[in-house]
PDB file of N, CA and C in Angstrom:
ATOM      1  N   UNK A   1     106.383 123.073 111.756  1.00  0.00           N
ATOM      2  CA  UNK A   1     107.131 121.899 112.177  1.00  0.00           C
ATOM      3  C   UNK A   1     107.150 122.300 113.443  1.00  0.00           C
ATOM      4  N   UNK A   2     107.094 120.834 114.084  1.00  0.00           N
ATOM      5  CA  UNK A   2     107.333 120.759 115.537  1.00  0.00           C
ATOM      6  C   UNK A   2     108.944 120.588 115.818  1.00  0.00           C
ATOM      7  N   UNK A   3     109.438 121.404 116.658  1.00  0.00           N
ATOM      8  CA  UNK A   3     110.818 121.526 117.201  1.00  0.00           C
ATOM      9  C   UNK A   3     110.977 120.140 118.177  1.00  0.00           C
ATOM     10  N   UNK A   4     111.500 118.827 117.772  1.00  0.00           N
ATOM     11  CA  UNK A   4     111.667 117.937 118.548  1.00  0.00           C
ATOM     12  C   UNK A   4     112.497 117.987 119.375  1.00  0.00           C
ATOM     13  N   UNK A   5     113.679 118.821 119.476  1.00  0.00           N
ATOM     14  CA  UNK A   5     114.760 119.106 120.277  1.00  0.00           C
ATOM     15  C   UNK A   5     113.994 119.557 121.809  1.00  0.00           C
ATOM     16  N   UNK A   6     112.885 120.340 121.737  1.00  0.00           N
ATOM     17  CA  UNK A   6     112.294 120.515 122.971  1.00  0.00           C
ATOM     18  C   UNK A   6     111.608 119.234 123.673  1.00  0.00           C
ATOM     19  N   UNK A   7     111.345 118.254 122.960  1.00  0.00           N
ATOM     20  CA  UNK A   7     110.594 117.249 123.499  1.00  0.00           C
ATOM     21  C   UNK A   7     111.784 116.254 123.842  1.00  0.00           C
ATOM     22  N   UNK A   8     112.173 116.274 125.492  1.00  0.00           N
ATOM     23  CA  UNK A   8     113.112 115.292 125.869  1.00  0.00           C
ATOM     24  C   UNK A   8     112.980 113.680 125.994  1.00  0.00           C
ATOM     25  N   UNK A   9     111.870 113.492 125.558  1.00  0.00           N
ATOM     26  CA  UNK A   9     111.084 112.054 125.332  1.00  0.00           C
ATOM     27  C   UNK A   9     111.396 111.776 124.174  1.00  0.00           C
ATOM     28  N   UNK A  10     111.124 112.304 122.816  1.00  0.00           N
ATOM     29  CA  UNK A  10     111.002 112.170 121.473  1.00  0.00           C
ATOM     30  C   UNK A  10     110.330 110.764 121.653  1.00  0.00           C
ATOM     31  N   UNK A  11     109.218 110.765 122.234  1.00  0.00           N
ATOM     32  CA  UNK A  11     108.610 109.387 122.439  1.00  0.00           C
ATOM     33  C   UNK A  11     107.742 109.133 120.661  1.00  0.00           C
ATOM     34  N   UNK A  12     107.315 110.028 119.981  1.00  0.00           N
ATOM     35  CA  UNK A  12     106.638 109.770 118.943  1.00  0.00           C
ATOM     36  C   UNK A  12     107.560 109.133 117.787  1.00  0.00           C
ATOM     37  N   UNK A  13     108.943 109.300 118.121  1.00  0.00           N
ATOM     38  CA  UNK A  13     110.066 108.876 116.830  1.00  0.00           C
ATOM     39  C   UNK A  13     110.460 107.878 117.402  1.00  0.00           C
ATOM     40  N   UNK A  14     110.044 107.399 118.543  1.00  0.00           N
ATOM     41  CA  UNK A  14     110.333 105.853 118.918  1.00  0.00           C
ATOM     42  C   UNK A  14     109.127 104.746 118.877  1.00  0.00           C
ATOM     43  N   UNK A  15     108.042 105.462 118.276  1.00  0.00           N
ATOM     44  CA  UNK A  15     106.806 104.559 118.100  1.00  0.00           C
ATOM     45  C   UNK A  15     107.322 103.400 117.147  1.00  0.00           C
ATOM     46  N   UNK A  16     106.428 102.174 117.098  1.00  0.00           N
ATOM     47  CA  UNK A  16     106.533 101.314 116.054  1.00  0.00           C
ATOM     48  C   UNK A  16     105.301 101.817 115.309  1.00  0.00           C
ATOM     49  N   UNK A  17     105.225 102.442 114.025  1.00  0.00           N
ATOM     50  CA  UNK A  17     104.567 102.857 113.268  1.00  0.00           C
ATOM     51  C   UNK A  17     104.048 101.897 112.381  1.00  0.00           C
ATOM     52  N   UNK A  18     102.546 101.625 112.569  1.00  0.00           N
ATOM     53  CA  UNK A  18     102.285 100.808 111.267  1.00  0.00           C
ATOM     54  C   UNK A  18     101.096 101.492 110.679  1.00  0.00           C
ATOM     55  N   UNK A  19     100.815 101.346 109.228  1.00  0.00           N
ATOM     56  CA  UNK A  19      99.797 101.838 108.493  1.00  0.00           C
ATOM     57  C   UNK A  19      99.224 100.820 107.829  1.00  0.00           C
ATOM     58  N   UNK A  20      97.955 101.127 107.430  1.00  0.00           N
ATOM     59  CA  UNK A  20      97.109 100.315 106.890  1.00  0.00           C
ATOM     60  C   UNK A  20      97.449 100.160 105.306  1.00  0.00           C
ATOM     61  N   UNK A  21      96.521  99.465 104.509  1.00  0.00           N
ATOM     62  CA  UNK A  21      97.020  99.349 103.205  1.00  0.00           C
ATOM     63  C   UNK A  21      96.677 100.685 102.405  1.00  0.00           C
ATOM     64  N   UNK A  22      95.936 101.525 102.672  1.00  0.00           N
ATOM     65  CA  UNK A  22      95.260 102.420 102.123  1.00  0.00           C
ATOM     66  C   UNK A  22      96.260 104.009 102.507  1.00  0.00           C
ATOM     67  N   UNK A  23      96.633 103.455 103.534  1.00  0.00           N
ATOM     68  CA  UNK A  23      97.759 104.760 104.007  1.00  0.00           C
ATOM     69  C   UNK A  23      99.145 104.678 103.304  1.00  0.00           C
ATOM     70  N   UNK A  24      99.403 103.180 103.159  1.00  0.00           N
ATOM     71  CA  UNK A  24     100.665 102.802 102.660  1.00  0.00           C
ATOM     72  C   UNK A  24     100.509 103.241 101.183  1.00  0.00           C
ATOM     73  N   UNK A  25      99.591 103.142 100.330  1.00  0.00           N
ATOM     74  CA  UNK A  25      99.172 103.556  99.118  1.00  0.00           C
ATOM     75  C   UNK A  25      99.541 105.125  98.902  1.00  0.00           C
ATOM     76  N   UNK A  26      99.019 105.860 100.164  1.00  0.00           N
ATOM     77  CA  UNK A  26      99.263 107.261  99.995  1.00  0.00           C
ATOM     78  C   UNK A  26     100.769 107.448 100.096  1.00  0.00           C
ATOM     79  N   UNK A  27     101.402 106.776 100.864  1.00  0.00           N
ATOM     80  CA  UNK A  27     103.119 106.970 101.082  1.00  0.00           C
ATOM     81  C   UNK A  27     103.834 106.482  99.629  1.00  0.00           C
ATOM     82  N   UNK A  28     103.108 105.507  98.949  1.00  0.00           N
ATOM     83  CA  UNK A  28     103.760 105.041  97.479  1.00  0.00           C
ATOM     84  C   UNK A  28     103.635 106.310  96.592  1.00  0.00           C
ATOM     85  N   UNK A  29     102.394 107.011  96.497  1.00  0.00           N
ATOM     86  CA  UNK A  29     102.070 108.108  95.733  1.00  0.00           C
ATOM     87  C   UNK A  29     103.276 109.222  96.106  1.00  0.00           C
ATOM     88  N   UNK A  30     103.406 109.167  96.941  1.00  0.00           N
ATOM     89  CA  UNK A  30     104.289 110.409  97.332  1.00  0.00           C
ATOM     90  C   UNK A  30     105.675 109.846  97.533  1.00  0.00           C
ATOM     91  N   UNK A  31     105.774 108.849  96.814  1.00  0.00           N
ATOM     92  CA  UNK A  31     107.332 107.852  96.794  1.00  0.00           C
ATOM     93  C   UNK A  31     108.125 107.964  97.957  1.00  0.00           C
ATOM     94  N   UNK A  32     107.283 107.569  99.164  1.00  0.00           N
ATOM     95  CA  UNK A  32     107.550 107.446 100.387  1.00  0.00           C
ATOM     96  C   UNK A  32     107.852 105.950 100.994  1.00  0.00           C
ATOM     97  N   UNK A  33     107.426 105.172 100.068  1.00  0.00           N
ATOM     98  CA  UNK A  33     107.234 103.925 100.241  1.00  0.00           C
ATOM     99  C   UNK A  33     108.647 102.947 100.765  1.00  0.00           C
ATOM    100  N   UNK A  34     109.730 103.669 100.176  1.00  0.00           N
ATOM    101  CA  UNK A  34     111.047 103.001 100.318  1.00  0.00           C
ATOM    102  C   UNK A  34     111.179 103.023 102.118  1.00  0.00           C
ATOM    103  N   UNK A  35     110.426 103.793 102.732  1.00  0.00           N
ATOM    104  CA  UNK A  35     110.690 103.820 104.348  1.00  0.00           C
ATOM    105  C   UNK A  35     109.897 102.899 105.020  1.00  0.00           C
ATOM    106  N   UNK A  36     109.036 102.338 104.512  1.00  0.00           N
ATOM    107  CA  UNK A  36     107.905 101.149 105.118  1.00  0.00           C
ATOM    108  C   UNK A  36     108.965 100.133 104.600  1.00  0.00           C
ATOM    109  N   UNK A  37     108.224  99.053 105.400  1.00  0.00           N
ATOM    110  CA  UNK A  37     108.505  97.536 105.122  1.00  0.00           C
ATOM    111  C   UNK A  37     107.179  96.793 105.265  1.00  0.00           C
ATOM    112  N   UNK A  38     106.405  96.177 104.104  1.00  0.00           N
ATOM    113  CA  UNK A  38     105.203  95.418 104.249  1.00  0.00           C
ATOM    114  C   UNK A  38     105.440  94.185 105.270  1.00  0.00           C
ATOM    115  N   UNK A  39     104.249  93.926 106.020  1.00  0.00           N
ATOM    116  CA  UNK A  39     104.177  92.668 106.747  1.00  0.00           C
ATOM    117  C   UNK A  39     104.467  91.631 106.079  1.00  0.00           C
ATOM    118  N   UNK A  40     103.942  91.555 104.778  1.00  0.00           N
ATOM    119  CA  UNK A  40     103.946  90.251 104.178  1.00  0.00           C
ATOM    120  C   UNK A  40     105.552  89.998 103.901  1.00  0.00           C
ATOM    121  N   UNK A  41     106.452  91.112 103.353  1.00  0.00           N
ATOM    122  CA  UNK A  41     107.860  91.117 103.140  1.00  0.00           C
ATOM    123  C   UNK A  41     108.645  90.570 104.618  1.00  0.00           C
ATOM    124  N   UNK A  42     108.123  91.178 105.709  1.00  0.00           N
ATOM    125  CA  UNK A  42     108.854  90.917 106.856  1.00  0.00           C
ATOM    126  C   UNK A  42     108.375  89.257 107.035  1.00  0.00           C
ATOM    127  N   UNK A  43     107.519  88.712 106.743  1.00  0.00           N
ATOM    128  CA  UNK A  43     106.925  87.152 107.037  1.00  0.00           C
ATOM    129  C   UNK A  43     107.696  86.522 106.257  1.00  0.00           C
ATOM    130  N   UNK A  44     107.834  86.968 104.997  1.00  0.00           N
ATOM    131  CA  UNK A  44     108.519  85.986 103.863  1.00  0.00           C
ATOM    132  C   UNK A  44     109.838  85.948 104.258  1.00  0.00           C
ATOM    133  N   UNK A  45     110.467  87.049 104.730  1.00  0.00           N
ATOM    134  CA  UNK A  45     112.081  87.153 105.005  1.00  0.00           C
ATOM    135  C   UNK A  45     112.176  85.619 106.090  1.00  0.00           C
ATOM    136  N   UNK A  46     111.325  85.693 107.066  1.00  0.00           N
ATOM    137  CA  UNK A  46     111.481  84.883 107.923  1.00  0.00           C
ATOM    138  C   UNK A  46     111.030  83.205 107.608  1.00  0.00           C
ATOM    139  N   UNK A  47     110.007  83.367 106.526  1.00  0.00           N
ATOM    140  CA  UNK A  47     109.877  82.023 106.194  1.00  0.00           C
ATOM    141  C   UNK A  47     109.565  81.899 104.733  1.00  0.00           C
ATOM    142  N   UNK A  48     110.301  82.017 103.887  1.00  0.00           N
ATOM    143  CA  UNK A  48     110.599  82.241 102.382  1.00  0.00           C
ATOM    144  C   UNK A  48     109.866  81.217 101.880  1.00  0.00           C
ATOM    145  N   UNK A  49     109.483  80.156 102.162  1.00  0.00           N
ATOM    146  CA  UNK A  49     108.531  79.007 101.453  1.00  0.00           C
ATOM    147  C   UNK A  49     107.512  79.828 101.172  1.00  0.00           C
ATOM    148  N   UNK A  50     106.907  80.707 101.907  1.00  0.00           N
ATOM    149  CA  UNK A  50     105.519  81.268 101.572  1.00  0.00           C
ATOM    150  C   UNK A  50     105.822  82.361 100.604  1.00  0.00           C
ATOM    151  N   UNK A  51     106.804  82.584  99.860  1.00  0.00           N
ATOM    152  CA  UNK A  51     106.984  83.599  98.950  1.00  0.00           C
ATOM    153  C   UNK A  51     105.685  83.850  97.818  1.00  0.00           C
ATOM    154  N   UNK A  52     105.559  82.520  97.447  1.00  0.00           N
ATOM    155  CA  UNK A  52     104.174  82.235  96.629  1.00  0.00           C
ATOM    156  C   UNK A  52     102.700  82.674  97.110  1.00  0.00           C
ATOM    157  N   UNK A  53     102.634  83.344  98.106  1.00  0.00           N
ATOM    158  CA  UNK A  53     101.657  83.274  98.902  1.00  0.00           C
ATOM    159  C   UNK A  53     101.694  84.823  99.427  1.00  0.00           C
ATOM    160  N   UNK A  54     102.527  85.804  98.726  1.00  0.00           N
ATOM    161  CA  UNK A  54     102.576  87.006  99.108  1.00  0.00           C
ATOM    162  C   UNK A  54     101.170  87.760  99.122  1.00  0.00           C
ATOM    163  N   UNK A  55     100.297  87.452  97.814  1.00  0.00           N
ATOM    164  CA  UNK A  55      99.052  88.488  97.607  1.00  0.00           C
ATOM    165  C   UNK A  55      98.024  88.053  99.276  1.00  0.00           C
ATOM    166  N   UNK A  56      98.091  86.815  99.411  1.00  0.00           N
ATOM    167  CA  UNK A  56      97.358  86.378 100.351  1.00  0.00           C
ATOM    168  C   UNK A  56      97.750  86.803 101.676  1.00  0.00           C
ATOM    169  N   UNK A  57      99.233  87.039 101.969  1.00  0.00           N
ATOM    170  CA  UNK A  57      99.407  87.655 103.062  1.00  0.00           C
ATOM    171  C   UNK A  57      99.311  88.941 103.144  1.00  0.00           C
ATOM    172  N   UNK A  58      99.256  89.870 102.075  1.00  0.00           N
ATOM    173  CA  UNK A  58      98.854  90.970 101.735  1.00  0.00           C
ATOM    174  C   UNK A  58      97.460  91.520 102.360  1.00  0.00           C
ATOM    175  N   UNK A  59      96.480  90.839 102.086  1.00  0.00           N
ATOM    176  CA  UNK A  59      95.229  90.682 102.276  1.00  0.00           C
ATOM    177  C   UNK A  59      94.974  90.448 103.732  1.00  0.00           C
ATOM    178  N   UNK A  60      95.621  89.299 104.087  1.00  0.00           N
ATOM    179  CA  UNK A  60      95.606  89.208 105.792  1.00  0.00           C
ATOM    180  C   UNK A  60      96.125  90.321 106.666  1.00  0.00           C
ATOM    181  N   UNK A  61      97.104  91.436 105.962  1.00  0.00           N
ATOM    182  CA  UNK A  61      97.840  92.066 106.588  1.00  0.00           C
ATOM    183  C   UNK A  61      97.103  93.670 106.421  1.00  0.00           C
ATOM    184  N   UNK A  62      95.926  93.513 105.944  1.00  0.00           N
ATOM    185  CA  UNK A  62      95.326  94.614 105.311  1.00  0.00           C
ATOM    186  C   UNK A  62      95.328  95.906 106.203  1.00  0.00           C
ATOM    187  N   UNK A  63      95.000  95.665 107.766  1.00  0.00           N
ATOM    188  CA  UNK A  63      94.762  96.383 108.854  1.00  0.00           C
ATOM    189  C   UNK A  63      96.446  97.138 109.065  1.00  0.00           C
ATOM    190  N   UNK A  64      97.288  96.347 109.221  1.00  0.00           N
ATOM    191  CA  UNK A  64      98.569  96.427 109.443  1.00  0.00           C
ATOM    192  C   UNK A  64      99.535  96.156 108.572  1.00  0.00           C
ATOM    193  N   UNK A  65      99.087  96.853 107.310  1.00  0.00           N
ATOM    194  CA  UNK A  65      99.952  96.413 106.200  1.00  0.00           C
ATOM    195  C   UNK A  65     101.663  96.541 106.209  1.00  0.00           C
ATOM    196  N   UNK A  66     101.703  97.688 106.516  1.00  0.00           N
ATOM    197  CA  UNK A  66     103.232  98.078 106.637  1.00  0.00           C
ATOM    198  C   UNK A  66     103.622  98.697 107.822  1.00  0.00           C
ATOM    199  N   UNK A  67     105.387  98.623 107.845  1.00  0.00           N
ATOM    200  CA  UNK A  67     105.904  99.213 109.069  1.00  0.00           C
ATOM    201  C   UNK A  67     106.959 100.093 108.960  1.00  0.00           C
ATOM    202  N   UNK A  68     107.093 101.275 109.537  1.00  0.00           N
ATOM    203  CA  UNK A  68     107.735 102.476 109.090  1.00  0.00           C
ATOM    204  C   UNK A  68     109.337 101.961 109.746  1.00  0.00           C
ATOM    205  N   UNK A  69     110.069 102.157 108.864  1.00  0.00           N
ATOM    206  CA  UNK A  69     111.385 101.896 109.480  1.00  0.00           C
ATOM    207  C   UNK A  69     112.011 102.594 110.377  1.00  0.00           C
ATOM    208  N   UNK A  70     113.078 102.180 110.801  1.00  0.00           N
ATOM    209  CA  UNK A  70     113.828 102.785 111.978  1.00  0.00           C
ATOM    210  C   UNK A  70     115.215 102.613 112.005  1.00  0.00           C
ATOM    211  N   UNK A  71     116.278 103.861 112.164  1.00  0.00           N
ATOM    212  CA  UNK A  71     117.393 103.458 112.171  1.00  0.00           C
ATOM    213  C   UNK A  71     117.973 102.670 113.089  1.00  0.00           C
ATOM    214  N   UNK A  72     119.499 102.655 113.283  1.00  0.00           N
ATOM    215  CA  UNK A  72     120.267 101.813 114.000  1.00  0.00           C
ATOM    216  C   UNK A  72     119.984 102.284 115.534  1.00  0.00           C
ATOM    217  N   UNK A  73     119.651 103.625 115.782  1.00  0.00           N
ATOM    218  CA  UNK A  73     119.752 104.283 117.169  1.00  0.00           C
ATOM    219  C   UNK A  73     118.131 103.887 117.434  1.00  0.00           C
ATOM    220  N   UNK A  74     117.388 103.403 116.677  1.00  0.00           N
ATOM    221  CA  UNK A  74     115.832 102.944 117.509  1.00  0.00           C
ATOM    222  C   UNK A  74     114.880 104.030 117.030  1.00  0.00           C
ATOM    223  N   UNK A  75     115.553 105.459 116.074  1.00  0.00           N
ATOM    224  CA  UNK A  75     114.583 106.538 116.110  1.00  0.00           C
ATOM    225  C   UNK A  75     113.965 106.114 114.521  1.00  0.00           C
ATOM    226  N   UNK A  76     112.673 106.832 114.274  1.00  0.00           N
ATOM    227  CA  UNK A  76     112.129 106.665 112.799  1.00  0.00           C
ATOM    228  C   UNK A  76     113.395 107.262 112.117  1.00  0.00           C
ATOM    229  N   UNK A  77     113.224 106.625 110.943  1.00  0.00           N
ATOM    230  CA  UNK A  77     114.086 106.935 109.642  1.00  0.00           C
ATOM    231  C   UNK A  77     114.018 108.213 109.010  1.00  0.00           C
ATOM    232  N   UNK A  78     112.508 108.886 109.316  1.00  0.00           N
ATOM    233  CA  UNK A  78     112.275 110.121 108.653  1.00  0.00           C
ATOM    234  C   UNK A  78     112.593 111.260 109.683  1.00  0.00           C
ATOM    235  N   UNK A  79     113.485 111.052 110.997  1.00  0.00           N
ATOM    236  CA  UNK A  79     113.578 112.158 111.845  1.00  0.00           C
ATOM    237  C   UNK A  79     115.093 112.287 111.448  1.00  0.00           C
ATOM    238  N   UNK A  80     115.225 113.829 110.687  1.00  0.00           N
ATOM    239  CA  UNK A  80     116.161 114.473 110.614  1.00  0.00           C
ATOM    240  C   UNK A  80     117.207 114.365 111.722  1.00  0.00           C
ATOM    241  N   UNK A  81     118.446 113.724 111.897  1.00  0.00           N
ATOM    242  CA  UNK A  81     119.207 113.599 113.035  1.00  0.00           C
ATOM    243  C   UNK A  81     119.983 114.823 113.346  1.00  0.00           C
ATOM    244  N   UNK A  82     119.750 115.893 112.337  1.00  0.00           N
ATOM    245  CA  UNK A  82     120.832 117.085 112.643  1.00  0.00           C
ATOM    246  C   UNK A  82     119.976 118.138 113.226  1.00  0.00           C
ATOM    247  N   UNK A  83     118.660 118.382 112.765  1.00  0.00           N
ATOM    248  CA  UNK A  83     117.863 119.150 113.162  1.00  0.00           C
ATOM    249  C   UNK A  83     116.815 118.472 114.200  1.00  0.00           C
ATOM    250  N   UNK A  84     116.535 117.261 114.142  1.00  0.00           N
ATOM    251  CA  UNK A  84     115.603 116.601 115.111  1.00  0.00           C
ATOM    252  C   UNK A  84     113.976 117.067 114.747  1.00  0.00           C
ATOM    253  N   UNK A  85     114.078 117.341 113.646  1.00  0.00           N
ATOM    254  CA  UNK A  85     112.631 117.447 113.068  1.00  0.00           C
ATOM    255  C   UNK A  85     112.153 116.355 112.086  1.00  0.00           C
ATOM    256  N   UNK A  86     111.061 116.412 111.737  1.00  0.00           N
ATOM    257  CA  UNK A  86     110.282 115.303 110.820  1.00  0.00           C
ATOM    258  C   UNK A  86     110.780 115.637 109.569  1.00  0.00           C
ATOM    259  N   UNK A  87     111.017 114.630 108.586  1.00  0.00           N
ATOM    260  CA  UNK A  87     111.268 115.428 106.969  1.00  0.00           C
ATOM    261  C   UNK A  87     110.097 115.485 106.638  1.00  0.00           C
ATOM    262  N   UNK A  88     108.996 114.824 106.972  1.00  0.00           N
ATOM    263  CA  UNK A  88     107.927 114.839 106.234  1.00  0.00           C
ATOM    264  C   UNK A  88     106.748 115.219 107.221  1.00  0.00           C
ATOM    265  N   UNK A  89     106.896 116.072 108.133  1.00  0.00           N
ATOM    266  CA  UNK A  89     106.008 116.696 109.001  1.00  0.00           C
ATOM    267  C   UNK A  89     104.481 116.771 108.475  1.00  0.00           C
ATOM    268  N   UNK A  90     104.380 117.380 107.321  1.00  0.00           N
ATOM    269  CA  UNK A  90     103.132 117.513 106.932  1.00  0.00           C
ATOM    270  C   UNK A  90     102.150 116.349 106.456  1.00  0.00           C
ATOM    271  N   UNK A  91     103.021 115.382 105.909  1.00  0.00           N
ATOM    272  CA  UNK A  91     102.536 114.068 105.510  1.00  0.00           C
ATOM    273  C   UNK A  91     102.820 113.180 106.140  1.00  0.00           C
ATOM    274  N   UNK A  92     103.414 112.879 107.483  1.00  0.00           N
ATOM    275  CA  UNK A  92     103.713 112.100 108.386  1.00  0.00           C
ATOM    276  C   UNK A  92     102.185 111.045 108.687  1.00  0.00           C
ATOM    277  N   UNK A  93     102.749 109.936 108.973  1.00  0.00           N
ATOM    278  CA  UNK A  93     101.583 108.821 109.489  1.00  0.00           C
ATOM    279  C   UNK A  93     100.315 109.545 110.025  1.00  0.00           C
ATOM    280  N   UNK A  94      99.178 109.092 110.076  1.00  0.00           N
ATOM    281  CA  UNK A  94      97.983 109.012 110.960  1.00  0.00           C
ATOM    282  C   UNK A  94      98.618 108.793 112.567  1.00  0.00           C
ATOM    283  N   UNK A  95      99.180 107.796 112.810  1.00  0.00           N
ATOM    284  CA  UNK A  95      99.556 107.597 114.119  1.00  0.00           C
ATOM    285  C   UNK A  95     100.265 108.294 114.855  1.00  0.00           C
ATOM    286  N   UNK A  96     101.447 109.050 114.005  1.00  0.00           N
ATOM    287  CA  UNK A  96     101.926 110.074 114.333  1.00  0.00           C
ATOM    288  C   UNK A  96     101.362 111.650 114.541  1.00  0.00           C
ATOM    289  N   UNK A  97     100.507 111.778 113.504  1.00  0.00           N
ATOM    290  CA  UNK A  97      99.472 112.921 114.012  1.00  0.00           C
ATOM    291  C   UNK A  97      98.739 112.793 115.077  1.00  0.00           C
ATOM    292  N   UNK A  98      98.108 111.614 115.516  1.00  0.00           N
ATOM    293  CA  UNK A  98      97.529 111.320 116.666  1.00  0.00           C
ATOM    294  C   UNK A  98      97.951 111.198 117.806  1.00  0.00           C
ATOM    295  N   UNK A  99      99.331 111.085 117.785  1.00  0.00           N
ATOM    296  CA  UNK A  99     100.373 110.649 119.191  1.00  0.00           C
ATOM    297  C   UNK A  99     100.211 112.025 120.086  1.00  0.00           C
ATOM    298  N   UNK A 100     100.061 111.772 121.179  1.00  0.00           N
ATOM    299  CA  UNK A 100      99.856 113.199 122.321  1.00  0.00           C
ATOM    300  C   UNK A 100     100.155 112.299 123.342  1.00  0.00           C
ATOM    301  N   UNK A 101     100.992 113.509 124.084  1.00  0.00           N
ATOM    302  CA  UNK A 101     101.243 113.184 125.555  1.00  0.00           C
ATOM    303  C   UNK A 101     101.251 114.756 126.132  1.00  0.00           C
ATOM    304  N   UNK A 102     101.160 114.920 127.488  1.00  0.00           N
ATOM    305  CA  UNK A 102     101.208 116.445 128.080  1.00  0.00           C
ATOM    306  C   UNK A 102     102.305 117.238 127.348  1.00  0.00           C
ATOM    307  N   UNK A 103     103.363 116.292 127.496  1.00  0.00           N
ATOM    308  CA  UNK A 103     104.629 117.125 126.893  1.00  0.00           C
ATOM    309  C   UNK A 103     104.358 117.647 125.718  1.00  0.00           C
ATOM    310  N   UNK A 104     103.779 116.747 124.858  1.00  0.00           N
ATOM    311  CA  UNK A 104     103.495 117.084 122.898  1.00  0.00           C
ATOM    312  C   UNK A 104     102.814 118.572 123.269  1.00  0.00           C
ATOM    313  N   UNK A 105     101.388 118.599 124.036  1.00  0.00           N
ATOM    314  CA  UNK A 105     100.633 119.724 123.969  1.00  0.00           C
ATOM    315  C   UNK A 105     101.337 120.547 124.554  1.00  0.00           C
ATOM    316  N   UNK A 106     102.112 120.900 125.235  1.00  0.00           N
ATOM    317  CA  UNK A 106     102.958 122.169 125.738  1.00  0.00           C
ATOM    318  C   UNK A 106     103.955 122.430 124.526  1.00  0.00           C
ATOM    319  N   UNK A 107     104.362 121.654 123.893  1.00  0.00           N
ATOM    320  CA  UNK A 107     105.486 121.853 122.837  1.00  0.00           C
ATOM    321  C   UNK A 107     104.520 122.367 121.792  1.00  0.00           C
ATOM    322  N   UNK A 108     103.551 121.932 121.675  1.00  0.00           N
ATOM    323  CA  UNK A 108     102.534 122.445 120.542  1.00  0.00           C
ATOM    324  C   UNK A 108     102.069 124.021 120.552  1.00  0.00           C
ATOM    325  N   UNK A 109     101.579 124.302 121.657  1.00  0.00           N
ATOM    326  CA  UNK A 109     101.420 125.533 122.455  1.00  0.00           C
ATOM    327  C   UNK A 109     102.529 126.413 122.111  1.00  0.00           C
ATOM    328  N   UNK A 110     103.564 126.125 122.402  1.00  0.00           N
ATOM    329  CA  UNK A 110     104.723 127.152 122.027  1.00  0.00           C
ATOM    330  C   UNK A 110     104.930 127.258 120.479  1.00  0.00           C
ATOM    331  N   UNK A 111     104.582 126.433 119.776  1.00  0.00           N
ATOM    332  CA  UNK A 111     104.838 126.659 118.465  1.00  0.00           C
ATOM    333  C   UNK A 111     103.765 127.708 117.709  1.00  0.00           C
ATOM    334  N   UNK A 112     102.499 127.526 118.433  1.00  0.00           N
ATOM    335  CA  UNK A 112     101.227 128.610 117.702  1.00  0.00           C
ATOM    336  C   UNK A 112     101.696 129.894 118.274  1.00  0.00           C
TER     337      UNK A 112
END
């Protein structure tokens, strides 16, 4: 697990994290889907008259199917605020795994 306290920026924990439908299904199997909101649900909240079209919307949003929720502080809901570590580090979304900056590289080298 990476110690995010060493990261002054906390850049990855501020990202807008989107997952495709396949990755969302993986989180659903891990019972972590409650931390996401589907694009269809977001759209229907704004436009309730399209509620009957949810399956069409789900197909339309296949590539950016769901968004990881954030706390009131703007940080990822899966960031433990006490330890400043990711609660699901090993299972985190692909975009989080792929996120890299020079700062992250240095922190990861300290971990190894």
